[in-house]
Amino acid sequence: MAKKTVKDLDLKDKKVLIRVDFNVPLKDGVITDDNRIVAALPTIKYVIEQGGKAILFSHLGRVKTEEDKEGKSLRPVVDRLAELLGKEVAFIPETRGEKLEAAINAMKDGEILVVENTRFEDIDGKKESKNDPELGKYWASLGDVFVNDAFGTAHRAHASNVGISSHLESAAGFLMEKEIKFIGGAVDEPKRPFVAILGGAKVSDKIGVIENLLDKADKVLVGGGMTYTFYAAKGIEIGNSLVEADKIDLAKSLIEKAGDKLVLPVDSVCAKEFSNDVETFISDGRTIPEGSMGLDIGPATIELFTNELAGAKTVVWNGPMGVFEMSNFAKGTIGVCEAIANLEDATTIIGGGDSAAAAIQLGFADKFTHISTGGGASLEYLEGKALPGVEAISEK
């Protein structure tokens, strides 16, 4: 890739600012999923092994008021990071000031320090989220070089990524490098056949992705709640299924533009209520009766999608095929997961979000070439958009 990576930097004796993505789910102060912390370890370890001082920045949740700070401190993350690394990690519960500066200046080579949640700076005027130039410049003044390893925030221009980058030599961390390589590579230079699978609830969330991938992919398979807006565009009765009425004309134009490149489900698992405790039945894709709704792709669609995937050399998947959190409507997502996992000699990528959660939850994580850590960022990348966090990294 044309961007500098952490291996292009001289790190010895340097104060290395690292933007990581530690935006992990917490319940009662306990981390329920530490995947993002684990994903950041290779870059952190490399920096300290090269004799750098690692100073980590991350946001956690949304913080708009003083009350929002409650339960949003990075303290639990620091404790977990220390466990995973098997070494002490210093934590400064502040985002600026003398205490932070003194702690950084006192660091020895190979030590790690975590700065408090960057979004604590959003309470007074959204300084972090709006990339306040003074804040970016201040944070940059704390270090010698900058490593951006937070792909999950790459689609946002924040003080802790773009702001710092504009004042220091910057490079991509290993995770960021991997995301750029796999997602960027899949879209720009895919091995063919290239098949994209898009699910999720709303067409409006995926319009740009569908349009971009119809130009790039050999086939685009559509499932999930989006199905029924496309069905409505084809004049199929959809009962009480989820539909975006204002997107029906758009769906119609996408169907016309795509021809046989766009593959829609041929059956659905339906129920009369949005519940796991009600009776289900299979509709044949020609009509969903009034009073019922489609909540997953059906068995014939799983077979159809499996056949469309056969022989694919590049696969990008974003969005579940149904309400996978309910066991009665998870079979479509499981079926697609299995079909992709069983492909031989293929580059298989999950574009973050719910599909990544599904693959991990279903035990297929190690069967994919790459699972993105960034839901929104990977979607925008799949749309072909330039990501500010990536653009700001120094060129080689």
Protein backbone atom coordinates (compact mmCIF):
# COMPACT_ATOMS: atom_id res chain seq x y z
CA MET A 1 0.00 0.00 0.00
CA ALA A 2 1.14 3.57 -0.66
CA LYS A 3 0.73 4.67 2.96
CA LYS A 4 3.51 4.41 5.53
CA THR A 5 3.14 1.55 8.00
CA VAL A 6 4.49 1.25 11.52
CA LYS A 7 7.47 -0.67 10.12
CA ASP A 8 8.53 2.44 8.17
CA LEU A 9 9.01 4.44 11.39
CA ASP A 10 12.06 4.69 13.61
CA LEU A 11 10.51 3.96 17.03
CA LYS A 12 13.47 3.57 19.39
CA ASP A 13 13.45 6.12 22.22
CA LYS A 14 10.40 7.74 20.62
CA LYS A 15 7.12 8.74 22.24
CA VAL A 16 4.73 6.89 19.92
CA LEU A 17 1.13 8.09 19.96
CA ILE A 18 -1.17 5.25 18.88
CA ARG A 19 -4.85 5.69 18.04
CA VAL A 20 -6.49 2.37 18.86
CA ASP A 21 -10.15 1.36 18.78
CA PHE A 22 -11.03 0.30 22.32
CA ASN A 23 -14.73 1.14 21.87
CA VAL A 24 -15.78 -2.15 23.48
CA PRO A 25 -19.17 -3.15 24.93
CA LEU A 26 -19.39 -2.83 28.73
CA LYS A 27 -22.05 -4.17 31.07
CA ASP A 28 -21.89 -3.02 34.71
CA GLY A 29 -18.26 -2.05 34.19
CA VAL A 30 -17.33 -5.46 32.73
CA ILE A 31 -16.15 -5.88 29.12
CA THR A 32 -18.45 -8.33 27.30
CA ASP A 33 -16.37 -8.59 24.09
CA ASP A 34 -12.63 -7.81 24.01
CA ASN A 35 -12.05 -8.51 20.28
CA ARG A 36 -11.06 -4.92 19.56
CA ILE A 37 -8.46 -4.93 22.34
CA VAL A 38 -7.04 -8.23 21.08
CA ALA A 39 -6.92 -6.84 17.51
CA ALA A 40 -4.75 -3.91 18.68
CA LEU A 41 -2.12 -6.09 20.44
CA PRO A 42 0.24 -6.74 17.47
CA THR A 43 0.85 -3.03 16.88
CA ILE A 44 1.27 -2.22 20.59
CA LYS A 45 3.68 -5.14 21.07
CA TYR A 46 5.71 -4.17 18.00
CA VAL A 47 6.10 -0.55 19.20
CA ILE A 48 7.36 -1.53 22.66
CA GLU A 49 9.59 -4.32 21.29
CA GLN A 50 11.25 -1.72 19.04
CA GLY A 51 12.00 0.41 22.11
CA GLY A 52 9.21 2.94 21.70
CA LYS A 53 7.04 4.39 24.45
CA ALA A 54 3.41 3.52 23.56
CA ILE A 55 0.86 6.24 24.38
CA LEU A 56 -2.64 5.04 23.52
CA PHE A 57 -5.71 7.10 22.61
CA SER A 58 -9.25 5.75 22.17
CA HIS A 59 -12.85 6.81 22.52
CA LEU A 60 -15.49 4.74 24.34
CA GLY A 61 -19.17 5.29 23.62
CA ARG A 62 -20.77 8.69 23.14
CA VAL A 63 -20.16 11.46 25.65
CA LYS A 64 -22.17 14.68 25.44
CA THR A 65 -22.71 15.67 29.09
CA GLU A 66 -20.92 15.25 32.44
CA GLU A 67 -23.47 12.52 33.32
CA ASP A 68 -22.46 10.59 30.18
CA LYS A 69 -18.98 10.13 31.66
CA GLU A 70 -20.46 7.64 34.13
CA GLY A 71 -19.39 4.16 33.01
CA LYS A 72 -17.37 5.51 30.04
CA SER A 73 -13.89 5.60 31.57
CA LEU A 74 -11.21 3.50 29.86
CA ARG A 75 -10.12 2.07 33.25
CA PRO A 76 -11.70 -1.42 32.66
CA VAL A 77 -10.08 -1.50 29.21
CA VAL A 78 -6.66 -0.71 30.72
CA ASP A 79 -7.07 -3.54 33.24
CA ARG A 80 -7.93 -5.99 30.44
CA LEU A 81 -5.09 -4.75 28.23
CA ALA A 82 -2.60 -5.29 31.09
CA GLU A 83 -3.94 -8.86 31.51
CA LEU A 84 -3.63 -9.63 27.80
CA LEU A 85 -0.11 -8.20 27.56
CA GLY A 86 1.02 -9.65 30.89
CA LYS A 87 2.62 -6.37 31.85
CA GLU A 88 1.82 -3.14 33.64
CA VAL A 89 -0.11 -0.45 31.75
CA ALA A 90 -0.24 3.07 33.17
CA PHE A 91 -3.54 4.96 33.04
CA ILE A 92 -4.01 8.71 33.31
CA PRO A 93 -7.71 9.53 33.87
CA GLU A 94 -7.33 12.85 32.05
CA THR A 95 -7.23 13.95 28.40
CA ARG A 96 -4.82 16.90 28.88
CA GLY A 97 -2.88 18.81 31.50
CA GLU A 98 0.27 18.71 33.65
CA LYS A 99 -0.40 15.29 35.18
CA LEU A 100 -0.67 13.68 31.74
CA GLU A 101 2.38 15.52 30.37
CA ALA A 102 4.51 14.61 33.40
CA ALA A 103 3.53 10.93 33.18
CA ILE A 104 4.40 10.80 29.46
CA ASN A 105 7.73 12.58 29.99
CA ALA A 106 8.63 10.12 32.77
CA MET A 107 8.03 7.04 30.57
CA LYS A 108 10.86 4.62 29.85
CA ASP A 109 11.33 2.79 26.55
CA GLY A 110 8.98 -0.18 26.24
CA GLU A 111 6.37 1.24 28.63
CA ILE A 112 2.66 1.74 27.85
CA LEU A 113 0.32 4.51 28.96
CA VAL A 114 -3.38 4.98 28.17
CA VAL A 115 -4.98 8.42 28.02
CA GLU A 116 -8.60 8.78 29.23
CA ASN A 117 -11.54 8.48 26.78
CA THR A 118 -10.93 11.05 24.02
CA ARG A 119 -14.65 11.85 23.86
CA PHE A 120 -14.53 13.37 27.33
CA GLU A 121 -13.36 16.34 25.23
CA ASP A 122 -16.80 16.42 23.55
CA ILE A 123 -18.62 17.78 26.60
CA ASP A 124 -17.57 21.34 25.85
CA GLY A 125 -18.18 21.81 22.14
CA LYS A 126 -17.42 18.38 20.63
CA LYS A 127 -13.71 19.13 20.42
CA GLU A 128 -12.74 15.49 19.66
CA SER A 129 -15.59 14.64 17.26
CA LYS A 130 -15.36 17.91 15.35
CA ASN A 131 -11.57 17.71 15.02
CA ASP A 132 -10.83 20.88 16.99
CA PRO A 133 -7.47 22.09 15.57
CA GLU A 134 -6.13 23.23 18.93
CA LEU A 135 -6.86 19.83 20.53
CA GLY A 136 -5.25 17.88 17.66
CA LYS A 137 -2.18 20.09 17.89
CA TYR A 138 -1.98 19.68 21.68
CA TRP A 139 -2.22 15.87 21.54
CA ALA A 140 0.39 15.79 18.75
CA SER A 141 2.73 17.82 20.99
CA LEU A 142 2.80 14.90 23.45
CA GLY A 143 4.60 12.57 21.04
CA ASP A 144 7.25 12.20 18.34
CA VAL A 145 5.41 10.03 15.80
CA PHE A 146 1.81 8.85 15.31
CA VAL A 147 0.44 5.41 14.46
CA ASN A 148 -3.23 5.12 13.46
CA ASP A 149 -4.50 1.60 14.11
CA ALA A 150 -8.20 2.48 14.57
CA PHE A 151 -9.92 1.50 11.34
CA GLY A 152 -13.27 1.61 13.18
CA THR A 153 -13.02 5.42 13.32
CA ALA A 154 -11.32 5.93 9.95
CA HIS A 155 -14.52 7.25 8.36
CA ARG A 156 -14.60 10.14 10.86
CA ALA A 157 -12.25 13.14 10.96
CA HIS A 158 -11.55 13.41 14.71
CA ALA A 159 -8.87 15.28 16.65
CA SER A 160 -7.37 11.93 17.77
CA ASN A 161 -6.83 10.64 14.23
CA VAL A 162 -6.84 13.33 11.51
CA GLY A 163 -5.98 16.10 13.99
CA ILE A 164 -2.84 14.42 15.32
CA SER A 165 -1.84 13.23 11.81
CA SER A 166 -1.67 16.78 10.52
CA HIS A 167 1.17 17.63 12.95
CA LEU A 168 3.28 14.45 13.07
CA GLU A 169 4.81 11.87 10.78
CA SER A 170 2.13 9.18 10.78
CA ALA A 171 1.75 5.56 9.77
CA ALA A 172 -0.81 2.77 9.69
CA GLY A 173 -0.69 0.14 12.41
CA PHE A 174 -0.89 -3.54 11.48
CA LEU A 175 -4.67 -3.70 11.88
CA MET A 176 -5.25 -0.58 9.76
CA GLU A 177 -2.83 -1.95 7.15
CA LYS A 178 -4.74 -5.25 7.06
CA GLU A 179 -8.12 -3.50 6.66
CA ILE A 180 -6.82 -1.36 3.78
CA LYS A 181 -5.25 -4.39 2.12
CA PHE A 182 -8.26 -6.67 2.33
CA ILE A 183 -11.26 -4.39 1.95
CA GLY A 184 -9.58 -1.95 -0.43
CA GLY A 185 -8.02 -4.82 -2.36
CA ALA A 186 -11.27 -6.76 -2.62
CA VAL A 187 -13.09 -3.82 -4.15
CA ASP A 188 -10.30 -2.45 -6.36
CA GLU A 189 -8.42 -5.55 -7.48
CA PRO A 190 -10.52 -8.63 -6.72
CA LYS A 191 -9.70 -12.11 -7.90
CA ARG A 192 -12.70 -13.26 -9.90
CA PRO A 193 -15.39 -14.43 -9.69
CA PHE A 194 -16.14 -11.69 -7.09
CA VAL A 195 -19.40 -12.19 -5.17
CA ALA A 196 -20.82 -9.66 -2.71
CA ILE A 197 -23.52 -10.58 -0.18
CA LEU A 198 -25.47 -7.76 1.41
CA GLY A 199 -28.01 -8.13 4.19
CA GLY A 200 -29.36 -6.07 7.03
CA ALA A 201 -32.60 -4.21 7.49
CA LYS A 202 -32.51 -1.13 5.30
CA VAL A 203 -31.80 -0.43 1.65
CA SER A 204 -31.07 3.20 2.65
CA ASP A 205 -28.03 2.03 4.68
CA LYS A 206 -26.59 0.16 1.70
CA ILE A 207 -27.55 2.19 -1.41
CA GLY A 208 -24.00 3.42 -2.05
CA VAL A 209 -22.55 -0.03 -1.38
CA ILE A 210 -25.01 -1.78 -3.72
CA GLU A 211 -24.39 0.76 -6.50
CA ASN A 212 -20.60 0.55 -6.15
CA LEU A 213 -20.54 -3.25 -5.96
CA LEU A 214 -22.88 -3.67 -8.94
CA ASP A 215 -20.10 -1.98 -10.94
CA LYS A 216 -17.33 -4.09 -9.41
CA ALA A 217 -18.71 -7.54 -8.50
CA ASP A 218 -19.79 -10.40 -10.74
CA LYS A 219 -22.83 -11.09 -8.54
CA VAL A 220 -24.53 -9.19 -5.71
CA LEU A 221 -26.73 -11.35 -3.46
CA VAL A 222 -29.27 -9.48 -1.35
CA GLY A 223 -30.93 -10.84 1.82
CA GLY A 224 -32.17 -9.58 5.17
CA GLY A 225 -34.93 -7.01 5.65
CA MET A 226 -33.79 -5.19 2.48
CA THR A 227 -35.34 -8.04 0.49
CA TYR A 228 -38.87 -6.78 0.95
CA THR A 229 -38.26 -3.30 -0.45
CA PHE A 230 -36.90 -5.05 -3.56
CA TYR A 231 -39.90 -7.41 -3.55
CA ALA A 232 -42.26 -4.43 -3.38
CA ALA A 233 -40.39 -2.91 -6.33
CA LYS A 234 -41.14 -6.09 -8.29
CA GLY A 235 -44.83 -5.97 -7.36
CA ILE A 236 -44.63 -8.95 -4.97
CA GLU A 237 -47.07 -8.86 -2.04
CA ILE A 238 -45.03 -8.57 1.16
CA GLY A 239 -47.69 -8.62 3.91
CA ASN A 240 -46.41 -6.84 7.02
CA SER A 241 -42.72 -7.24 6.13
CA LEU A 242 -40.28 -4.40 6.68
CA VAL A 243 -40.37 -1.99 3.74
CA GLU A 244 -38.92 1.44 2.98
CA ALA A 245 -41.73 2.89 0.88
CA ASP A 246 -39.63 5.87 -0.16
CA LYS A 247 -36.93 3.57 -1.57
CA ILE A 248 -39.15 1.38 -3.79
CA ASP A 249 -38.46 3.43 -6.94
CA LEU A 250 -34.73 3.31 -6.21
CA ALA A 251 -34.90 -0.47 -5.76
CA LYS A 252 -36.74 -0.68 -9.09
CA SER A 253 -33.97 1.26 -10.85
CA LEU A 254 -31.28 -0.93 -9.23
CA ILE A 255 -33.07 -4.08 -10.44
CA GLU A 256 -33.26 -2.67 -13.98
CA LYS A 257 -29.62 -1.54 -13.96
CA ALA A 258 -28.29 -4.82 -12.52
CA GLY A 259 -29.99 -7.40 -14.73
CA ASP A 260 -29.01 -10.93 -13.65
CA LYS A 261 -26.10 -9.58 -11.57
CA LEU A 262 -28.48 -8.88 -8.67
CA VAL A 263 -29.76 -12.06 -7.00
CA LEU A 264 -32.78 -11.81 -4.68
CA PRO A 265 -34.17 -14.47 -2.31
CA VAL A 266 -36.68 -16.94 -3.76
CA ASP A 267 -38.34 -17.82 -0.44
CA SER A 268 -38.65 -16.48 3.11
CA VAL A 269 -39.17 -17.78 6.63
CA CYS A 270 -42.29 -15.93 7.80
CA ALA A 271 -44.25 -15.41 11.01
CA LYS A 272 -47.20 -13.34 12.18
CA GLU A 273 -45.19 -11.61 14.90
CA PHE A 274 -41.66 -10.38 15.45
CA SER A 275 -41.02 -13.08 18.04
CA ASN A 276 -39.11 -16.33 18.44
CA ASP A 277 -42.10 -17.98 20.11
CA VAL A 278 -44.57 -17.94 17.22
CA GLU A 279 -45.24 -20.50 14.50
CA THR A 280 -43.19 -20.04 11.32
CA PHE A 281 -43.84 -21.02 7.70
CA ILE A 282 -42.02 -20.75 4.38
CA SER A 283 -43.33 -18.42 1.68
CA ASP A 284 -42.37 -19.23 -1.91
CA GLY A 285 -41.18 -15.72 -2.79
CA ARG A 286 -44.25 -14.95 -4.89
CA THR A 287 -46.37 -13.59 -2.04
CA ILE A 288 -46.28 -13.11 1.73
CA PRO A 289 -49.81 -13.21 3.14
CA GLU A 290 -51.37 -10.17 4.79
CA GLY A 291 -50.70 -10.20 8.55
CA SER A 292 -47.38 -12.06 8.16
CA MET A 293 -43.79 -10.87 7.72
CA GLY A 294 -40.58 -12.26 6.24
CA LEU A 295 -37.88 -12.60 8.92
CA ASP A 296 -35.19 -14.73 7.22
CA ILE A 297 -34.25 -16.16 3.85
CA GLY A 298 -35.71 -19.63 3.28
CA PRO A 299 -34.06 -23.01 2.48
CA ALA A 300 -34.36 -22.62 -1.32
CA THR A 301 -32.55 -19.25 -1.08
CA ILE A 302 -29.78 -20.75 1.06
CA GLU A 303 -29.30 -23.35 -1.70
CA LEU A 304 -29.43 -20.67 -4.42
CA PHE A 305 -26.88 -18.46 -2.63
CA THR A 306 -24.62 -21.46 -1.96
CA ASN A 307 -24.65 -22.27 -5.69
CA GLU A 308 -23.94 -18.63 -6.62
CA LEU A 309 -20.97 -18.67 -4.23
CA ALA A 310 -19.51 -21.90 -5.62
CA GLY A 311 -16.17 -21.21 -7.29
CA ALA A 312 -15.97 -17.60 -6.06
CA LYS A 313 -12.41 -16.33 -5.51
CA THR A 314 -13.32 -13.12 -3.64
CA VAL A 315 -16.33 -12.77 -1.32
CA VAL A 316 -17.38 -9.72 0.66
CA TRP A 317 -20.25 -10.15 3.12
CA ASN A 318 -21.95 -7.34 5.03
CA GLY A 319 -25.21 -7.76 6.94
CA PRO A 320 -27.13 -10.78 8.27
CA MET A 321 -29.73 -12.65 6.21
CA GLY A 322 -32.45 -12.45 8.85
CA VAL A 323 -33.13 -11.71 12.50
CA PHE A 324 -30.20 -13.94 13.47
CA GLU A 325 -30.50 -13.06 17.18
CA MET A 326 -33.63 -15.27 17.24
CA SER A 327 -32.86 -18.94 16.65
CA ASN A 328 -35.91 -19.48 14.39
CA PHE A 329 -34.62 -16.82 11.99
CA ALA A 330 -30.89 -17.54 12.13
CA LYS A 331 -30.71 -20.41 9.62
CA GLY A 332 -30.17 -18.10 6.62
CA THR A 333 -27.22 -16.34 8.23
CA ILE A 334 -25.78 -19.68 9.38
CA GLY A 335 -26.24 -21.14 5.88
CA VAL A 336 -24.47 -18.24 4.18
CA CYS A 337 -21.72 -18.34 6.82
CA GLU A 338 -21.16 -22.05 6.18
CA ALA A 339 -21.21 -21.63 2.39
CA ILE A 340 -18.52 -18.92 2.54
CA ALA A 341 -16.48 -20.77 5.18
CA ASN A 342 -16.36 -23.89 2.99
CA LEU A 343 -15.00 -22.12 -0.11
CA GLU A 344 -11.54 -23.25 -1.16
CA ASP A 345 -8.77 -20.91 -2.28
CA ALA A 346 -10.95 -17.81 -1.84
CA THR A 347 -10.36 -14.47 -0.13
CA THR A 348 -13.36 -14.09 2.19
CA ILE A 349 -14.06 -10.83 3.99
CA ILE A 350 -16.73 -9.79 6.46
CA GLY A 351 -17.35 -6.07 6.51
CA GLY A 352 -17.82 -5.62 10.26
CA GLY A 353 -21.06 -4.92 12.10
CA ASP A 354 -23.76 -7.57 12.66
CA SER A 355 -22.34 -10.05 10.14
CA ALA A 356 -19.00 -10.04 11.99
CA ALA A 357 -20.84 -10.56 15.29
CA ALA A 358 -22.80 -13.43 13.72
CA ALA A 359 -19.70 -15.18 12.35
CA ILE A 360 -17.90 -14.90 15.69
CA GLN A 361 -20.98 -15.97 17.67
CA LEU A 362 -21.57 -18.95 15.35
CA GLY A 363 -17.94 -20.09 15.66
CA PHE A 364 -16.85 -19.37 12.08
CA ALA A 365 -14.37 -16.55 12.83
CA ASP A 366 -11.22 -18.52 11.92
CA LYS A 367 -12.78 -19.70 8.63
CA PHE A 368 -12.66 -16.20 7.09
CA THR A 369 -9.63 -14.49 5.58
CA HIS A 370 -10.51 -11.22 7.29
CA ILE A 371 -13.19 -9.91 9.64
CA SER A 372 -13.28 -6.13 9.68
CA THR A 373 -13.30 -4.33 13.03
CA GLY A 374 -15.11 -1.33 11.55
CA GLY A 375 -18.81 -1.48 10.68
CA GLY A 376 -19.38 2.07 9.44
CA ALA A 377 -15.84 2.46 8.12
CA SER A 378 -15.96 -0.79 6.13
CA LEU A 379 -19.35 0.15 4.65
CA GLU A 380 -18.01 3.50 3.46
CA TYR A 381 -14.90 1.78 2.10
CA LEU A 382 -17.11 -0.68 0.20
CA GLU A 383 -18.96 2.33 -1.21
CA GLY A 384 -15.67 3.50 -2.65
CA LYS A 385 -15.48 6.57 -0.41
CA ALA A 386 -12.20 8.08 0.76
CA LEU A 387 -11.83 7.65 4.53
CA PRO A 388 -10.40 10.74 6.31
CA GLY A 389 -8.48 8.63 8.86
CA VAL A 390 -6.75 6.71 6.06
CA GLU A 391 -6.17 9.74 3.83
CA ALA A 392 -4.40 11.56 6.70
CA ILE A 393 -1.69 8.86 7.08
CA SER A 394 1.68 9.89 5.60
CA GLU A 395 2.52 8.55 2.13
CA LYS A 396 5.52 6.24 1.81
